[in-house]
Amino acid sequence: MLISTEEIAPSEIFASFIRCYSLRKFNTGEQILIKPCHASHEISLLFFLKEKPLYLIHAESRQIIQVGRNIDLIGPSTRYAGDMVFKGDYAFFEILFKANGFFRLFNISPVEVVGQIIHSGEIFDRTLDFLYEQIKSYGCLPQMAAAAENWLQDHYNRQKSFAALDAISNIVNLIDQSRYSLPVTELASQVYMSRRNFERKFTEQVGIPPKVYERIVRFNKALYLKLKNNSESWTSIAHTCGYFDQMHLIKEFKELAGHTPYKFLLLTSLTQEHFISRIEE
């Protein structure tokens, strides 16, 4: 089974809010596909255009949690959440927000959605249902992205100013680009804040504290590098991403992905993903 994925960048006006738009397609036939839900620092708005996931198996209780809505908001997660189960013919459009982009556009703190899958109707009005019908009627990703940006434009226009939020955006970019862990006191001094005030504002806008965010970003960088080049050794990736050693990386995988790196790659469907176009991280 092949997963076909296409990603495109947002327009210039939304470049500081959104990392990319994506369209993913796959058909499991009569087989069951299980996707481990690893820790993630991103928030996404997900539109299921054909089939919907069957259910989520909770990481700790292993209980089945029913899912199956047309539009879901996926909050950032700080740990392995469980396994999402798929069977059928799938196509889904996704808006992937930058760390504090969701907060800046909608003035909703991601703290409220950390570790959760939220029905869109709990947050957004019926205009999102109209957007869903539009996206379903389109055949290509650029058209879907243009429709999404028309919807986002209204929310953008409601915000009077983003200048006061630029400080946290700058720190997010600094963390994303850094190879090594940066002390919180140093990050706070970069934006002329006390440590306490900085941690409060960062968590309010991003959903998770700066040190936790930094940890999850590093984990996802390691996963991205391995999926991009499977021949690269975990030792090399650990060094590139600033881990103490390979054992440190393995320990992080067990907590944030639920498995060792080797077993996670055996389980995840991402190893079968073919990118038609990709936005480099």
C-alpha atoms as a PDB file:
ATOM      1  CA  MET A   1       0.000   0.000   0.000  1.00  0.00           C
ATOM      2  CA  LEU A   2       1.367   3.387  -1.036  1.00  0.00           C
ATOM      3  CA  ILE A   3       0.528   6.670   0.677  1.00  0.00           C
ATOM      4  CA  SER A   4       0.615   9.599  -1.742  1.00  0.00           C
ATOM      5  CA  THR A   5       1.291  12.978  -0.136  1.00  0.00           C
ATOM      6  CA  GLU A   6       1.447  16.455  -1.622  1.00  0.00           C
ATOM      7  CA  GLU A   7       2.455  19.568   0.324  1.00  0.00           C
ATOM      8  CA  ILE A   8       2.415  23.226  -0.714  1.00  0.00           C
ATOM      9  CA  ALA A   9       3.421  26.399   1.101  1.00  0.00           C
ATOM     10  CA  PRO A  10       0.912  29.057   2.166  1.00  0.00           C
ATOM     11  CA  SER A  11       0.712  32.438   0.468  1.00  0.00           C
ATOM     12  CA  GLU A  12       2.947  35.203   1.786  1.00  0.00           C
ATOM     13  CA  ILE A  13       0.273  36.709   4.040  1.00  0.00           C
ATOM     14  CA  PHE A  14      -0.121  33.414   5.941  1.00  0.00           C
ATOM     15  CA  ALA A  15       3.520  32.301   5.881  1.00  0.00           C
ATOM     16  CA  SER A  16       4.081  33.242   9.533  1.00  0.00           C
ATOM     17  CA  PHE A  17       0.969  31.350  10.661  1.00  0.00           C
ATOM     18  CA  ILE A  18       0.905  28.163   8.584  1.00  0.00           C
ATOM     19  CA  ARG A  19       3.708  25.714   7.777  1.00  0.00           C
ATOM     20  CA  CYS A  20       1.961  24.065   4.856  1.00  0.00           C
ATOM     21  CA  TYR A  21      -1.190  22.592   3.351  1.00  0.00           C
ATOM     22  CA  SER A  22      -1.179  18.904   2.531  1.00  0.00           C
ATOM     23  CA  LEU A  23      -3.279  16.351   0.683  1.00  0.00           C
ATOM     24  CA  ARG A  24      -2.747  12.691   1.586  1.00  0.00           C
ATOM     25  CA  LYS A  25      -4.340   9.737  -0.206  1.00  0.00           C
ATOM     26  CA  PHE A  26      -4.247   5.980   0.358  1.00  0.00           C
ATOM     27  CA  ASN A  27      -6.432   2.917   0.033  1.00  0.00           C
ATOM     28  CA  THR A  28      -5.996   0.017   2.467  1.00  0.00           C
ATOM     29  CA  GLY A  29      -8.361  -2.273   0.567  1.00  0.00           C
ATOM     30  CA  GLU A  30      -9.441  -4.999   2.978  1.00  0.00           C
ATOM     31  CA  GLN A  31      -6.349  -4.549   5.129  1.00  0.00           C
ATOM     32  CA  ILE A  32      -6.127  -2.688   8.429  1.00  0.00           C
ATOM     33  CA  LEU A  33      -3.602   0.159   8.675  1.00  0.00           C
ATOM     34  CA  ILE A  34      -2.395   1.176  12.130  1.00  0.00           C
ATOM     35  CA  LYS A  35      -0.649   4.505  12.619  1.00  0.00           C
ATOM     36  CA  PRO A  36       1.113   5.166  15.948  1.00  0.00           C
ATOM     37  CA  CYS A  37       0.292   8.710  17.131  1.00  0.00           C
ATOM     38  CA  HIS A  38       3.621  10.115  18.278  1.00  0.00           C
ATOM     39  CA  ALA A  39       4.268  13.388  20.107  1.00  0.00           C
ATOM     40  CA  SER A  40       3.928  16.477  17.939  1.00  0.00           C
ATOM     41  CA  HIS A  41       4.470  20.208  18.443  1.00  0.00           C
ATOM     42  CA  GLU A  42       2.076  21.157  15.629  1.00  0.00           C
ATOM     43  CA  ILE A  43      -1.647  21.889  15.556  1.00  0.00           C
ATOM     44  CA  SER A  44      -3.544  20.768  12.491  1.00  0.00           C
ATOM     45  CA  LEU A  45      -7.027  21.116  11.071  1.00  0.00           C
ATOM     46  CA  LEU A  46      -7.923  17.893   9.294  1.00  0.00           C
ATOM     47  CA  PHE A  47     -10.648  17.423   6.647  1.00  0.00           C
ATOM     48  CA  PHE A  48     -11.565  13.794   5.837  1.00  0.00           C
ATOM     49  CA  LEU A  49     -12.842  13.833   2.268  1.00  0.00           C
ATOM     50  CA  LYS A  50     -13.690  10.112   1.880  1.00  0.00           C
ATOM     51  CA  GLU A  51     -13.535   7.484   4.629  1.00  0.00           C
ATOM     52  CA  LYS A  52     -12.848   8.404   8.248  1.00  0.00           C
ATOM     53  CA  PRO A  53     -10.569   6.613  10.744  1.00  0.00           C
ATOM     54  CA  LEU A  54     -12.239   3.597  12.363  1.00  0.00           C
ATOM     55  CA  TYR A  55     -11.092   4.331  15.898  1.00  0.00           C
ATOM     56  CA  LEU A  56      -8.173   5.262  18.178  1.00  0.00           C
ATOM     57  CA  ILE A  57      -6.679   2.721  20.591  1.00  0.00           C
ATOM     58  CA  HIS A  58      -5.677   4.636  23.734  1.00  0.00           C
ATOM     59  CA  ALA A  59      -1.971   4.307  24.584  1.00  0.00           C
ATOM     60  CA  GLU A  60      -2.355   3.399  28.266  1.00  0.00           C
ATOM     61  CA  SER A  61      -5.782   1.815  28.716  1.00  0.00           C
ATOM     62  CA  ARG A  62      -5.833   0.287  25.183  1.00  0.00           C
ATOM     63  CA  GLN A  63      -9.521   1.122  25.138  1.00  0.00           C
ATOM     64  CA  ILE A  64     -11.134   1.917  21.812  1.00  0.00           C
ATOM     65  CA  ILE A  65     -12.067   5.566  21.353  1.00  0.00           C
ATOM     66  CA  GLN A  66     -14.557   6.131  18.563  1.00  0.00           C
ATOM     67  CA  VAL A  67     -13.697   8.763  15.960  1.00  0.00           C
ATOM     68  CA  GLY A  68     -15.251   9.514  12.603  1.00  0.00           C
ATOM     69  CA  ARG A  69     -16.045  13.192  12.017  1.00  0.00           C
ATOM     70  CA  ASN A  70     -15.586  15.164   8.832  1.00  0.00           C
ATOM     71  CA  ILE A  71     -13.342  17.825  10.388  1.00  0.00           C
ATOM     72  CA  ASP A  72     -11.093  17.489  13.420  1.00  0.00           C
ATOM     73  CA  LEU A  73      -8.724  19.850  15.173  1.00  0.00           C
ATOM     74  CA  ILE A  74      -5.642  17.924  16.331  1.00  0.00           C
ATOM     75  CA  GLY A  75      -3.883  19.579  19.262  1.00  0.00           C
ATOM     76  CA  PRO A  76      -0.170  19.371  20.070  1.00  0.00           C
ATOM     77  CA  SER A  77       0.748  16.254  22.019  1.00  0.00           C
ATOM     78  CA  THR A  78       3.559  15.705  24.496  1.00  0.00           C
ATOM     79  CA  ARG A  79       3.635  11.895  24.447  1.00  0.00           C
ATOM     80  CA  TYR A  80       2.634   8.794  22.515  1.00  0.00           C
ATOM     81  CA  ALA A  81      -1.185   8.902  22.417  1.00  0.00           C
ATOM     82  CA  GLY A  82      -2.059   5.504  20.956  1.00  0.00           C
ATOM     83  CA  ASP A  83      -2.751   3.953  17.572  1.00  0.00           C
ATOM     84  CA  MET A  84      -5.130   5.294  14.927  1.00  0.00           C
ATOM     85  CA  VAL A  85      -6.798   2.520  12.925  1.00  0.00           C
ATOM     86  CA  PHE A  86      -7.762   2.901   9.256  1.00  0.00           C
ATOM     87  CA  LYS A  87      -9.548   0.679   6.735  1.00  0.00           C
ATOM     88  CA  GLY A  88     -10.828   1.834   3.366  1.00  0.00           C
ATOM     89  CA  ASP A  89     -10.261   4.569   0.803  1.00  0.00           C
ATOM     90  CA  TYR A  90      -8.876   7.815   2.255  1.00  0.00           C
ATOM     91  CA  ALA A  91      -8.184  11.354   1.138  1.00  0.00           C
ATOM     92  CA  PHE A  92      -7.628  14.123   3.649  1.00  0.00           C
ATOM     93  CA  PHE A  93      -6.698  17.765   3.408  1.00  0.00           C
ATOM     94  CA  GLU A  94      -4.731  19.261   6.282  1.00  0.00           C
ATOM     95  CA  ILE A  95      -3.810  22.753   7.442  1.00  0.00           C
ATOM     96  CA  LEU A  96      -0.624  22.536   9.519  1.00  0.00           C
ATOM     97  CA  PHE A  97      -0.131  25.584  11.733  1.00  0.00           C
ATOM     98  CA  LYS A  98       3.179  26.942  12.938  1.00  0.00           C
ATOM     99  CA  ALA A  99       3.772  26.756  16.688  1.00  0.00           C
ATOM    100  CA  ASN A 100       1.896  29.886  17.739  1.00  0.00           C
ATOM    101  CA  GLY A 101       0.205  30.499  14.387  1.00  0.00           C
ATOM    102  CA  PHE A 102      -3.084  29.039  15.575  1.00  0.00           C
ATOM    103  CA  PHE A 103      -3.145  31.340  18.601  1.00  0.00           C
ATOM    104  CA  ARG A 104      -2.254  34.394  16.532  1.00  0.00           C
ATOM    105  CA  LEU A 105      -5.019  33.752  13.989  1.00  0.00           C
ATOM    106  CA  PHE A 106      -7.864  32.641  16.236  1.00  0.00           C
ATOM    107  CA  ASN A 107      -6.902  34.062  19.648  1.00  0.00           C
ATOM    108  CA  ILE A 108      -7.488  30.606  21.162  1.00  0.00           C
ATOM    109  CA  SER A 109      -4.783  29.218  23.422  1.00  0.00           C
ATOM    110  CA  PRO A 110      -3.573  25.776  22.284  1.00  0.00           C
ATOM    111  CA  VAL A 111      -3.396  24.855  25.978  1.00  0.00           C
ATOM    112  CA  GLU A 112      -7.097  24.032  25.632  1.00  0.00           C
ATOM    113  CA  VAL A 113      -6.454  21.355  22.974  1.00  0.00           C
ATOM    114  CA  VAL A 114      -3.145  19.745  24.039  1.00  0.00           C
ATOM    115  CA  GLY A 115      -3.338  15.981  23.608  1.00  0.00           C
ATOM    116  CA  GLN A 116      -6.866  16.126  22.215  1.00  0.00           C
ATOM    117  CA  ILE A 117      -8.797  15.548  19.005  1.00  0.00           C
ATOM    118  CA  ILE A 118     -11.523  18.197  19.018  1.00  0.00           C
ATOM    119  CA  HIS A 119     -14.633  18.263  16.864  1.00  0.00           C
ATOM    120  CA  SER A 120     -14.394  21.448  14.803  1.00  0.00           C
ATOM    121  CA  GLY A 121     -17.955  22.455  15.734  1.00  0.00           C
ATOM    122  CA  GLU A 122     -16.835  23.000  19.325  1.00  0.00           C
ATOM    123  CA  ILE A 123     -14.553  25.838  18.213  1.00  0.00           C
ATOM    124  CA  PHE A 124     -15.587  27.178  14.809  1.00  0.00           C
ATOM    125  CA  ASP A 125     -18.856  28.374  13.319  1.00  0.00           C
ATOM    126  CA  ARG A 126     -20.779  26.899  10.384  1.00  0.00           C
ATOM    127  CA  THR A 127     -18.587  28.647   7.818  1.00  0.00           C
ATOM    128  CA  LEU A 128     -16.140  25.769   8.297  1.00  0.00           C
ATOM    129  CA  ASP A 129     -18.803  23.314   7.125  1.00  0.00           C
ATOM    130  CA  PHE A 130     -19.189  25.381   3.960  1.00  0.00           C
ATOM    131  CA  LEU A 131     -15.400  25.284   3.495  1.00  0.00           C
ATOM    132  CA  TYR A 132     -15.505  21.485   3.861  1.00  0.00           C
ATOM    133  CA  GLU A 133     -18.050  21.187   1.051  1.00  0.00           C
ATOM    134  CA  GLN A 134     -15.920  23.450  -1.137  1.00  0.00           C
ATOM    135  CA  ILE A 135     -12.774  21.407  -0.545  1.00  0.00           C
ATOM    136  CA  LYS A 136     -14.593  18.141  -1.261  1.00  0.00           C
ATOM    137  CA  SER A 137     -15.679  19.499  -4.644  1.00  0.00           C
ATOM    138  CA  TYR A 138     -12.141  20.426  -5.731  1.00  0.00           C
ATOM    139  CA  GLY A 139      -9.757  18.021  -7.391  1.00  0.00           C
ATOM    140  CA  CYS A 140      -6.367  19.504  -6.596  1.00  0.00           C
ATOM    141  CA  LEU A 141      -4.441  20.798  -3.607  1.00  0.00           C
ATOM    142  CA  PRO A 142      -3.879  24.398  -4.848  1.00  0.00           C
ATOM    143  CA  GLN A 143      -7.655  24.894  -5.168  1.00  0.00           C
ATOM    144  CA  MET A 144      -8.214  23.461  -1.684  1.00  0.00           C
ATOM    145  CA  ALA A 145      -5.518  25.715  -0.215  1.00  0.00           C
ATOM    146  CA  ALA A 146      -6.986  28.795  -1.924  1.00  0.00           C
ATOM    147  CA  ALA A 147     -10.422  28.022  -0.466  1.00  0.00           C
ATOM    148  CA  ALA A 148      -8.877  27.546   2.994  1.00  0.00           C
ATOM    149  CA  GLU A 149      -7.101  30.900   2.749  1.00  0.00           C
ATOM    150  CA  ASN A 150     -10.343  32.637   1.799  1.00  0.00           C
ATOM    151  CA  TRP A 151     -11.814  31.244   5.029  1.00  0.00           C
ATOM    152  CA  LEU A 152      -8.701  32.146   7.047  1.00  0.00           C
ATOM    153  CA  GLN A 153      -8.686  35.684   5.649  1.00  0.00           C
ATOM    154  CA  ASP A 154     -11.784  36.552   7.665  1.00  0.00           C
ATOM    155  CA  HIS A 155     -10.075  35.476  10.889  1.00  0.00           C
ATOM    156  CA  TYR A 156      -6.922  37.339   9.875  1.00  0.00           C
ATOM    157  CA  ASN A 157      -8.900  40.543   9.339  1.00  0.00           C
ATOM    158  CA  ARG A 158     -10.417  40.335  12.835  1.00  0.00           C
ATOM    159  CA  GLN A 159      -7.020  40.529  14.507  1.00  0.00           C
ATOM    160  CA  LYS A 160      -6.027  44.143  15.032  1.00  0.00           C
ATOM    161  CA  SER A 161      -2.298  43.638  15.447  1.00  0.00           C
ATOM    162  CA  PHE A 162       0.207  40.806  15.528  1.00  0.00           C
ATOM    163  CA  ALA A 163       3.192  42.921  16.567  1.00  0.00           C
ATOM    164  CA  ALA A 164       2.842  42.088  20.258  1.00  0.00           C
ATOM    165  CA  LEU A 165       3.089  38.374  19.426  1.00  0.00           C
ATOM    166  CA  ASP A 166       6.248  38.578  17.316  1.00  0.00           C
ATOM    167  CA  ALA A 167       8.538  38.007  20.314  1.00  0.00           C
ATOM    168  CA  ILE A 168       7.326  34.450  20.884  1.00  0.00           C
ATOM    169  CA  SER A 169       7.335  33.792  17.136  1.00  0.00           C
ATOM    170  CA  ASN A 170      11.020  34.764  17.056  1.00  0.00           C
ATOM    171  CA  ILE A 171      11.838  32.366  19.897  1.00  0.00           C
ATOM    172  CA  VAL A 172       9.908  29.554  18.215  1.00  0.00           C
ATOM    173  CA  ASN A 173      11.987  30.098  15.067  1.00  0.00           C
ATOM    174  CA  LEU A 174      15.174  30.115  17.141  1.00  0.00           C
ATOM    175  CA  ILE A 175      14.294  26.782  18.767  1.00  0.00           C
ATOM    176  CA  ASP A 176      13.257  25.247  15.441  1.00  0.00           C
ATOM    177  CA  GLN A 177      16.595  26.148  13.853  1.00  0.00           C
ATOM    178  CA  SER A 178      18.894  25.332  16.773  1.00  0.00           C
ATOM    179  CA  ARG A 179      20.750  22.059  16.965  1.00  0.00           C
ATOM    180  CA  TYR A 180      21.327  22.262  20.698  1.00  0.00           C
ATOM    181  CA  SER A 181      19.143  22.771  23.742  1.00  0.00           C
ATOM    182  CA  LEU A 182      18.932  26.428  24.766  1.00  0.00           C
ATOM    183  CA  PRO A 183      18.499  27.476  28.434  1.00  0.00           C
ATOM    184  CA  VAL A 184      15.114  29.035  29.141  1.00  0.00           C
ATOM    185  CA  THR A 185      16.798  31.998  30.856  1.00  0.00           C
ATOM    186  CA  GLU A 186      18.720  32.676  27.641  1.00  0.00           C
ATOM    187  CA  LEU A 187      15.546  32.464  25.550  1.00  0.00           C
ATOM    188  CA  ALA A 188      13.749  34.833  27.939  1.00  0.00           C
ATOM    189  CA  SER A 189      16.597  37.357  27.790  1.00  0.00           C
ATOM    190  CA  GLN A 190      16.387  37.359  23.984  1.00  0.00           C
ATOM    191  CA  VAL A 191      12.929  38.943  24.244  1.00  0.00           C
ATOM    192  CA  TYR A 192      13.618  41.020  27.401  1.00  0.00           C
ATOM    193  CA  MET A 193      11.275  39.053  29.656  1.00  0.00           C
ATOM    194  CA  SER A 194      11.645  37.473  33.034  1.00  0.00           C
ATOM    195  CA  ARG A 195      11.810  33.683  32.913  1.00  0.00           C
ATOM    196  CA  ARG A 196       8.408  33.355  34.570  1.00  0.00           C
ATOM    197  CA  ASN A 197       6.688  35.803  32.233  1.00  0.00           C
ATOM    198  CA  PHE A 198       8.347  34.264  29.177  1.00  0.00           C
ATOM    199  CA  GLU A 199       7.285  30.713  30.099  1.00  0.00           C
ATOM    200  CA  ARG A 200       3.729  31.907  30.729  1.00  0.00           C
ATOM    201  CA  LYS A 201       3.427  33.710  27.392  1.00  0.00           C
ATOM    202  CA  PHE A 202       5.123  30.914  25.440  1.00  0.00           C
ATOM    203  CA  THR A 203       2.835  28.254  26.917  1.00  0.00           C
ATOM    204  CA  GLU A 204      -0.248  30.389  26.315  1.00  0.00           C
ATOM    205  CA  GLN A 205       0.572  30.824  22.630  1.00  0.00           C
ATOM    206  CA  VAL A 206       2.155  27.460  21.800  1.00  0.00           C
ATOM    207  CA  GLY A 207       0.258  25.199  24.202  1.00  0.00           C
ATOM    208  CA  ILE A 208       3.285  23.611  25.860  1.00  0.00           C
ATOM    209  CA  PRO A 209       6.264  25.014  27.848  1.00  0.00           C
ATOM    210  CA  PRO A 210       9.429  25.988  25.938  1.00  0.00           C
ATOM    211  CA  LYS A 211      11.567  23.081  27.184  1.00  0.00           C
ATOM    212  CA  VAL A 212       8.876  20.548  26.300  1.00  0.00           C
ATOM    213  CA  TYR A 213       8.419  22.182  22.895  1.00  0.00           C
ATOM    214  CA  GLU A 214      12.160  22.038  22.280  1.00  0.00           C
ATOM    215  CA  ARG A 215      12.265  18.345  23.199  1.00  0.00           C
ATOM    216  CA  ILE A 216       9.410  17.419  20.856  1.00  0.00           C
ATOM    217  CA  VAL A 217      10.852  19.480  17.993  1.00  0.00           C
ATOM    218  CA  ARG A 218      14.164  17.624  18.337  1.00  0.00           C
ATOM    219  CA  PHE A 219      12.388  14.238  18.331  1.00  0.00           C
ATOM    220  CA  ASN A 220      10.441  15.140  15.181  1.00  0.00           C
ATOM    221  CA  LYS A 221      13.622  16.347  13.487  1.00  0.00           C
ATOM    222  CA  ALA A 222      15.214  12.964  14.168  1.00  0.00           C
ATOM    223  CA  LEU A 223      12.179  11.132  12.778  1.00  0.00           C
ATOM    224  CA  TYR A 224      12.071  13.393   9.722  1.00  0.00           C
ATOM    225  CA  LEU A 225      15.757  12.759   8.949  1.00  0.00           C
ATOM    226  CA  LYS A 226      15.330   8.983   9.192  1.00  0.00           C
ATOM    227  CA  LEU A 227      12.232   8.932   6.995  1.00  0.00           C
ATOM    228  CA  LYS A 228      13.993  11.165   4.478  1.00  0.00           C
ATOM    229  CA  ASN A 229      17.073   8.940   4.342  1.00  0.00           C
ATOM    230  CA  ASN A 230      16.554   5.469   5.783  1.00  0.00           C
ATOM    231  CA  SER A 231      20.202   4.538   5.203  1.00  0.00           C
ATOM    232  CA  GLU A 232      21.408   7.157   7.690  1.00  0.00           C
ATOM    233  CA  SER A 233      22.302   5.559  11.020  1.00  0.00           C
ATOM    234  CA  TRP A 234      20.524   6.430  14.250  1.00  0.00           C
ATOM    235  CA  THR A 235      23.930   7.259  15.746  1.00  0.00           C
ATOM    236  CA  SER A 236      24.489   9.879  13.056  1.00  0.00           C
ATOM    237  CA  ILE A 237      20.965  11.255  13.491  1.00  0.00           C
ATOM    238  CA  ALA A 238      21.393  11.442  17.270  1.00  0.00           C
ATOM    239  CA  HIS A 239      24.551  13.493  16.779  1.00  0.00           C
ATOM    240  CA  THR A 240      22.944  15.756  14.154  1.00  0.00           C
ATOM    241  CA  CYS A 241      19.925  16.477  16.368  1.00  0.00           C
ATOM    242  CA  GLY A 242      21.920  17.210  19.516  1.00  0.00           C
ATOM    243  CA  TYR A 243      21.206  14.086  21.575  1.00  0.00           C
ATOM    244  CA  PHE A 244      23.864  13.014  24.087  1.00  0.00           C
ATOM    245  CA  ASP A 245      24.139   9.621  22.379  1.00  0.00           C
ATOM    246  CA  GLN A 246      22.030   6.967  20.670  1.00  0.00           C
ATOM    247  CA  MET A 247      20.679   5.650  23.995  1.00  0.00           C
ATOM    248  CA  HIS A 248      19.333   9.119  24.770  1.00  0.00           C
ATOM    249  CA  LEU A 249      17.517   9.116  21.423  1.00  0.00           C
ATOM    250  CA  ILE A 250      16.081   5.621  22.054  1.00  0.00           C
ATOM    251  CA  LYS A 251      14.790   6.684  25.469  1.00  0.00           C
ATOM    252  CA  GLU A 252      13.045   9.689  23.899  1.00  0.00           C
ATOM    253  CA  PHE A 253      11.452   7.512  21.209  1.00  0.00           C
ATOM    254  CA  LYS A 254      10.045   5.129  23.794  1.00  0.00           C
ATOM    255  CA  GLU A 255       8.282   7.971  25.575  1.00  0.00           C
ATOM    256  CA  LEU A 256       7.307  10.162  22.638  1.00  0.00           C
ATOM    257  CA  ALA A 257       6.540   7.445  20.057  1.00  0.00           C
ATOM    258  CA  GLY A 258       5.687   4.511  22.314  1.00  0.00           C
ATOM    259  CA  HIS A 259       8.388   2.268  20.812  1.00  0.00           C
ATOM    260  CA  THR A 260      12.096   2.015  20.106  1.00  0.00           C
ATOM    261  CA  PRO A 261      13.126   3.714  16.831  1.00  0.00           C
ATOM    262  CA  TYR A 262      13.473   0.348  15.077  1.00  0.00           C
ATOM    263  CA  LYS A 263      10.044  -0.936  16.123  1.00  0.00           C
ATOM    264  CA  PHE A 264       8.346   2.404  15.456  1.00  0.00           C
ATOM    265  CA  LEU A 265       9.574   2.374  11.853  1.00  0.00           C
ATOM    266  CA  LEU A 266       8.280  -1.171  11.435  1.00  0.00           C
ATOM    267  CA  LEU A 267       4.847  -0.104  12.650  1.00  0.00           C
ATOM    268  CA  THR A 268       4.373   3.305  11.094  1.00  0.00           C
ATOM    269  CA  SER A 269       2.802   3.704   7.681  1.00  0.00           C
ATOM    270  CA  LEU A 270       4.977   6.777   7.096  1.00  0.00           C
ATOM    271  CA  THR A 271       7.709   4.514   5.728  1.00  0.00           C
ATOM    272  CA  GLN A 272       5.381   3.809   2.791  1.00  0.00           C
ATOM    273  CA  GLU A 273       4.775   7.483   2.028  1.00  0.00           C
ATOM    274  CA  HIS A 274       5.563   8.908  -1.406  1.00  0.00           C
ATOM    275  CA  PHE A 275       5.830  12.702  -1.571  1.00  0.00           C
ATOM    276  CA  ILE A 276       4.679  14.318  -4.796  1.00  0.00           C
ATOM    277  CA  SER A 277       5.918  17.617  -3.362  1.00  0.00           C
ATOM    278  CA  ARG A 278       7.256  18.400   0.091  1.00  0.00           C
ATOM    279  CA  ILE A 279       7.934  21.484   2.190  1.00  0.00           C
ATOM    280  CA  GLU A 280      11.353  20.956   3.724  1.00  0.00           C
ATOM    281  CA  GLU A 281      11.522  21.317   7.505  1.00  0.00           C
END
